[in-house]
N, C-alpha and C. Protein backbone atom coordinates (compact mmCIF):
# COMPACT_ATOMS: atom_id res chain seq x y z
N MET A 1 14.24 31.20 -6.68
CA MET A 1 15.81 31.24 -6.73
C MET A 1 16.60 30.40 -6.13
N GLN A 2 16.74 29.27 -7.58
CA GLN A 2 17.45 27.99 -6.99
C GLN A 2 18.51 27.92 -5.86
N ASP A 3 19.61 29.40 -6.21
CA ASP A 3 20.41 28.93 -5.87
C ASP A 3 20.90 29.66 -4.56
N ALA A 4 20.06 30.20 -4.04
CA ALA A 4 19.77 30.87 -2.67
C ALA A 4 20.89 30.38 -1.85
N ASP A 5 20.97 29.11 -0.97
CA ASP A 5 21.50 28.17 -0.56
C ASP A 5 23.23 28.66 -1.03
N LYS A 6 23.30 28.57 -2.35
CA LYS A 6 24.80 29.11 -2.64
C LYS A 6 25.12 29.98 -2.24
N VAL A 7 23.88 31.47 -2.43
CA VAL A 7 24.46 32.66 -2.75
C VAL A 7 24.80 32.99 -0.96
N PHE A 8 23.93 32.58 -0.18
CA PHE A 8 23.63 32.71 1.53
C PHE A 8 24.74 32.04 1.44
N LEU A 9 25.86 30.86 1.50
CA LEU A 9 26.67 30.55 1.62
C LEU A 9 28.18 31.05 1.52
N GLU A 10 27.66 31.63 0.31
CA GLU A 10 29.15 32.57 0.08
C GLU A 10 28.87 33.82 0.23
N TYR A 11 28.01 34.73 1.05
CA TYR A 11 28.19 35.85 1.55
C TYR A 11 28.74 35.33 3.06
N VAL A 12 28.27 34.55 3.47
CA VAL A 12 28.83 34.78 5.37
C VAL A 12 29.96 33.93 4.77
N VAL A 13 30.69 33.15 4.38
CA VAL A 13 31.47 32.52 4.38
C VAL A 13 32.68 33.60 3.68
N LYS A 14 32.70 34.33 2.95
CA LYS A 14 33.73 35.49 2.30
C LYS A 14 33.62 36.75 3.76
N ALA A 15 32.69 36.89 4.53
CA ALA A 15 32.50 37.38 5.34
C ALA A 15 33.10 37.07 6.64
N LEU A 16 33.60 35.52 6.49
CA LEU A 16 34.41 35.07 8.20
C LEU A 16 35.39 34.98 7.84
N VAL A 17 36.36 34.86 6.39
CA VAL A 17 37.13 34.81 6.08
C VAL A 17 37.86 35.92 5.90
N ASP A 18 39.85 36.09 6.02
CA ASP A 18 40.33 36.93 5.44
C ASP A 18 40.97 37.04 3.98
N ASN A 19 40.95 35.53 3.37
CA ASN A 19 40.50 35.59 1.65
C ASN A 19 39.83 35.36 0.67
N PRO A 20 38.80 36.57 1.24
CA PRO A 20 37.61 36.16 0.25
C PRO A 20 37.48 35.73 -1.21
N ASN A 21 38.16 36.06 -2.31
CA ASN A 21 38.51 35.56 -3.10
C ASN A 21 39.27 34.77 -3.39
N ASP A 22 40.03 33.70 -2.20
CA ASP A 22 39.74 32.43 -2.45
C ASP A 22 38.81 31.05 -2.04
N VAL A 23 37.42 31.94 -2.28
CA VAL A 23 36.89 30.97 -1.69
C VAL A 23 36.00 30.12 -2.76
N LYS A 24 35.81 28.82 -3.12
CA LYS A 24 35.66 28.67 -3.82
C LYS A 24 34.59 27.48 -3.34
N LEU A 25 32.90 27.43 -4.57
CA LEU A 25 32.32 26.95 -4.26
C LEU A 25 31.25 26.23 -5.71
N ASP A 26 31.22 24.80 -5.16
CA ASP A 26 30.62 23.82 -6.08
C ASP A 26 29.14 23.62 -5.58
N ARG A 27 28.19 23.55 -6.61
CA ARG A 27 26.75 23.21 -5.96
C ARG A 27 26.56 22.17 -7.11
N THR A 28 26.03 20.79 -6.73
CA THR A 28 25.82 19.68 -7.47
C THR A 28 24.05 19.38 -6.43
N VAL A 29 23.54 18.75 -7.40
CA VAL A 29 22.23 18.56 -6.87
C VAL A 29 22.19 17.25 -7.85
N ASP A 30 21.80 15.82 -7.07
CA ASP A 30 21.25 14.68 -7.60
C ASP A 30 19.96 14.39 -6.28
N GLU A 31 19.71 12.61 -6.23
CA GLU A 31 18.28 12.26 -5.96
C GLU A 31 18.44 12.54 -4.40
N MET A 32 19.67 12.73 -3.66
CA MET A 32 19.92 13.03 -2.66
C MET A 32 19.55 14.18 -1.58
N GLY A 33 19.48 15.01 -2.74
CA GLY A 33 19.96 16.21 -2.51
C GLY A 33 20.50 17.60 -3.12
N VAL A 34 21.11 18.51 -2.41
CA VAL A 34 22.00 19.78 -2.81
C VAL A 34 23.47 19.36 -2.56
N LEU A 35 24.63 19.48 -2.51
CA LEU A 35 25.40 19.11 -2.09
C LEU A 35 26.00 20.05 -2.41
N ILE A 36 26.81 20.87 -1.58
CA ILE A 36 27.73 22.37 -1.35
C ILE A 36 29.19 22.34 -1.11
N SER A 37 29.92 21.95 -2.31
CA SER A 37 31.94 21.75 -1.41
C SER A 37 32.28 23.11 -1.55
N LEU A 38 32.91 23.43 -0.30
CA LEU A 38 32.89 24.91 0.02
C LEU A 38 35.14 24.66 0.28
N THR A 39 35.64 25.18 -0.73
CA THR A 39 37.27 25.39 -0.59
C THR A 39 38.10 26.51 -0.03
N VAL A 40 38.42 26.47 0.53
CA VAL A 40 38.84 28.07 1.19
C VAL A 40 40.42 28.18 0.94
N ASN A 41 41.09 29.16 1.45
CA ASN A 41 42.44 29.09 1.62
C ASN A 41 43.35 28.27 2.82
N PRO A 42 43.83 27.56 2.69
CA PRO A 42 44.16 26.97 4.65
C PRO A 42 44.47 27.45 5.52
N ALA A 43 44.50 29.28 4.88
CA ALA A 43 45.24 29.77 6.82
C ALA A 43 43.79 30.09 7.22
N ASP A 44 42.33 30.34 6.28
CA ASP A 44 41.46 30.89 6.78
C ASP A 44 40.50 29.30 6.99
N MET A 45 41.00 28.06 7.13
CA MET A 45 40.36 26.89 7.34
C MET A 45 39.85 26.92 9.27
N GLY A 46 40.38 27.50 9.95
CA GLY A 46 40.00 27.78 11.61
C GLY A 46 38.97 28.61 11.90
N LYS A 47 38.67 29.29 10.84
CA LYS A 47 37.37 30.30 11.02
C LYS A 47 35.96 29.53 10.42
N ILE A 48 36.26 28.89 9.27
CA ILE A 48 35.38 28.38 8.69
C ILE A 48 34.68 27.21 9.86
N ILE A 49 35.26 26.48 10.49
CA ILE A 49 35.17 25.35 11.42
C ILE A 49 35.11 25.83 12.54
N GLY A 50 35.98 26.22 12.81
CA GLY A 50 35.41 27.27 14.33
C GLY A 50 35.77 26.48 15.74
N ARG A 51 35.89 26.84 16.89
CA ARG A 51 36.32 26.04 18.35
C ARG A 51 35.46 25.07 17.85
N MET A 52 35.53 24.00 18.10
CA MET A 52 35.51 22.38 18.32
C MET A 52 34.14 22.49 17.32
N GLY A 53 34.36 22.70 16.21
CA GLY A 53 33.41 22.51 14.66
C GLY A 53 32.35 23.22 14.71
N ASN A 54 31.80 24.50 16.06
CA ASN A 54 30.78 25.19 16.52
C ASN A 54 30.77 26.15 15.15
N THR A 55 31.55 26.42 13.96
CA THR A 55 31.24 27.63 13.23
C THR A 55 30.33 26.74 12.17
N ALA A 56 31.02 25.98 11.52
CA ALA A 56 30.80 24.42 10.87
C ALA A 56 29.41 24.29 10.63
N LYS A 57 29.36 23.59 12.12
CA LYS A 57 27.74 22.63 12.61
C LYS A 57 26.60 24.58 12.61
N ALA A 58 26.83 25.60 12.99
CA ALA A 58 25.72 26.46 13.02
C ALA A 58 25.84 26.86 11.31
N ILE A 59 26.38 27.15 10.62
CA ILE A 59 26.56 27.31 8.64
C ILE A 59 25.91 25.96 8.68
N ARG A 60 25.97 24.82 8.31
CA ARG A 60 25.48 23.67 8.22
C ARG A 60 24.03 24.07 8.49
N THR A 61 22.99 24.52 10.06
CA THR A 61 22.07 24.59 10.16
C THR A 61 21.39 25.54 9.41
N LEU A 62 22.01 26.36 9.05
CA LEU A 62 21.30 28.15 8.48
C LEU A 62 20.62 27.31 7.31
N LEU A 63 21.88 26.33 6.87
CA LEU A 63 21.54 25.92 5.07
C LEU A 63 21.02 25.08 5.04
N ARG A 64 20.54 24.66 5.99
CA ARG A 64 19.23 23.53 6.22
C ARG A 64 18.10 24.03 6.52
N ILE A 65 17.82 24.64 7.03
CA ILE A 65 16.82 25.88 6.82
C ILE A 65 16.29 26.32 5.60
N ILE A 66 17.38 26.79 5.19
CA ILE A 66 17.11 27.45 4.23
C ILE A 66 16.37 26.44 2.57
N GLY A 67 17.16 25.05 2.85
CA GLY A 67 16.69 24.32 2.12
C GLY A 67 15.56 23.68 2.01
N MET A 68 14.86 23.61 3.55
CA MET A 68 13.40 23.78 4.23
C MET A 68 12.99 24.39 3.62
N LYS A 69 13.18 25.76 3.41
CA LYS A 69 12.29 26.27 2.46
C LYS A 69 12.04 26.13 1.23
N ASN A 70 12.68 25.91 0.27
CA ASN A 70 12.86 25.27 -1.03
C ASN A 70 12.60 23.90 -1.63
N ASN A 71 12.32 23.36 -0.12
CA ASN A 71 11.78 21.75 -0.29
C ASN A 71 13.08 20.81 -0.39
N ALA A 72 13.99 21.23 0.17
CA ALA A 72 15.52 20.38 -0.74
C ALA A 72 16.26 20.12 0.83
N ARG A 73 16.91 18.78 0.32
CA ARG A 73 17.93 18.78 1.35
C ARG A 73 19.53 19.43 1.18
N VAL A 74 20.11 20.49 1.99
CA VAL A 74 21.08 20.68 1.32
C VAL A 74 21.99 20.70 2.97
N ASN A 75 23.26 19.86 1.60
CA ASN A 75 24.53 19.32 2.75
C ASN A 75 25.93 20.45 2.66
N LEU A 76 26.69 20.25 3.17
CA LEU A 76 27.84 21.41 3.01
C LEU A 76 28.69 20.40 3.16
N LYS A 77 29.92 20.58 2.28
CA LYS A 77 31.30 19.27 2.46
C LYS A 77 32.17 21.02 2.34
N ILE A 78 33.19 20.95 3.37
CA ILE A 78 34.06 21.08 3.60
C ILE A 78 35.38 20.94 3.36
N ASN A 79 36.18 20.75 1.45
CA ASN A 79 37.12 20.51 1.36
C ASN A 79 38.48 20.79 2.17
N GLU A 80 39.01 19.76 2.94
CA GLU A 80 40.23 19.71 3.25
C GLU A 80 40.95 19.96 2.47
N PRO A 81 42.39 21.23 3.39
CA PRO A 81 43.16 21.90 2.11
C PRO A 81 44.28 20.75 2.05
N GLU A 82 45.07 20.73 0.79
CA GLU A 82 46.39 19.94 0.69
C GLU A 82 47.00 19.77 1.78
N GLY A 83 47.80 18.32 2.38
CA GLY A 83 49.04 19.14 3.20
C GLY A 83 48.57 19.21 4.76
N GLY A 84 46.81 18.84 4.68
CA GLY A 84 46.31 19.65 5.78
C GLY A 84 47.21 18.96 7.22
N MET A 85 46.38 19.39 8.83
CA MET A 85 47.00 19.08 9.79
C MET A 85 45.99 18.36 10.79
N ARG A 86 45.43 17.41 9.88
CA ARG A 86 44.53 16.59 10.73
C ARG A 86 45.59 15.61 11.37
N PRO A 87 45.59 15.59 12.37
CA PRO A 87 46.53 14.36 13.38
C PRO A 87 46.67 13.08 12.75
N GLU A 88 47.53 12.57 13.01
CA GLU A 88 47.26 10.67 12.58
C GLU A 88 46.64 10.16 13.43
N PRO A 89 46.28 9.35 14.41
CA PRO A 89 45.08 8.41 14.75
C PRO A 89 46.45 7.53 15.50
N ARG A 90 46.23 7.56 17.12
CA ARG A 90 47.47 7.81 17.70
C ARG A 90 47.49 5.88 18.02
N SER A 91 48.41 5.24 18.45
CA SER A 91 48.41 3.55 18.54
C SER A 91 48.62 3.82 20.01
N THR A 92 47.81 2.45 20.52
CA THR A 92 47.57 2.47 22.32
C THR A 92 49.04 2.53 22.42
N ASN A 93 50.56 2.57 22.39
CA ASN A 93 51.67 2.16 23.08
C ASN A 93 52.50 3.15 22.34
N GLU A 94 52.18 4.04 21.76
CA GLU A 94 52.88 5.14 21.58
C GLU A 94 53.11 6.46 22.53
N GLY A 95 55.07 6.14 22.62
CA GLY A 95 55.32 6.80 23.27
C GLY A 95 55.79 6.13 24.95
N ILE A 96 55.42 4.84 24.65
CA ILE A 96 56.07 4.70 25.89
C ILE A 96 57.03 3.11 25.22
N ALA A 97 57.97 3.22 25.34
CA ALA A 97 59.81 1.78 25.58
C ALA A 97 59.15 1.17 25.65
N THR A 98 59.72 -0.03 24.58
CA THR A 98 59.16 -1.37 25.14
C THR A 98 60.48 -1.75 24.95
N LYS A 99 60.73 -2.30 25.98
CA LYS A 99 62.43 -3.17 26.89
C LYS A 99 62.38 -4.83 26.94
N THR A 100 63.08 -5.51 26.61
CA THR A 100 62.92 -6.42 27.16
C THR A 100 63.39 -6.66 28.73
N VAL A 101 63.36 -7.59 29.32
CA VAL A 101 63.36 -7.91 30.61
C VAL A 101 64.59 -7.57 30.90
N ASP A 102 65.30 -8.72 30.22
CA ASP A 102 67.15 -7.84 30.55
C ASP A 102 67.37 -6.79 30.30
N GLN A 103 67.23 -5.76 29.63
CA GLN A 103 67.86 -4.24 28.93
C GLN A 103 66.90 -3.54 30.60
N ALA A 104 65.64 -3.73 31.18
CA ALA A 104 65.08 -3.29 32.26
C ALA A 104 66.38 -3.54 33.07
N MET A 105 66.93 -4.95 33.40
CA MET A 105 67.38 -5.43 34.54
C MET A 105 68.65 -4.89 34.36
N GLU A 106 69.21 -4.50 33.05
CA GLU A 106 70.53 -4.26 32.67
C GLU A 106 70.61 -2.35 33.34
N ASP A 107 69.66 -1.58 32.85
CA ASP A 107 69.40 -0.12 33.42
C ASP A 107 69.32 -0.28 35.18
N LEU A 108 68.43 -0.73 35.42
CA LEU A 108 68.92 -1.08 37.33
C LEU A 108 69.66 -1.46 37.92
N LYS A 109 69.97 -1.54 37.24
CA LYS A 109 71.75 -2.50 37.58
C LYS A 109 72.88 -0.75 37.63
N GLY A 110 72.40 -0.22 36.29
CA GLY A 110 73.44 0.93 36.88
C GLY A 110 72.81 1.97 37.35
N ILE A 111 72.18 1.55 38.22
CA ILE A 111 71.17 2.95 39.36
C ILE A 111 71.90 3.00 40.80
């Protein structure tokens, strides 16, 4: 059975999420191995990724084991939903008000 990895992943993911009808899997095979792209409802993203990414890591580990059994390298790509909540990279000066020396002196005079 060539799609054992896809069947396994679909079973596990649908058991984890609240919206199993929104689970979509796309399996592609190339010279690098098997790539399974997973798309879930944005509300279920946290359940798939888990705390500190532990759930996603565990799913990927199990998929690799299934791949080894079938002599294939299996990778999982979790598609980020549109309008995702990924934080913006922070700048080093964020939240620090920059003033000139004259402005700082004026502020001190008011105290």
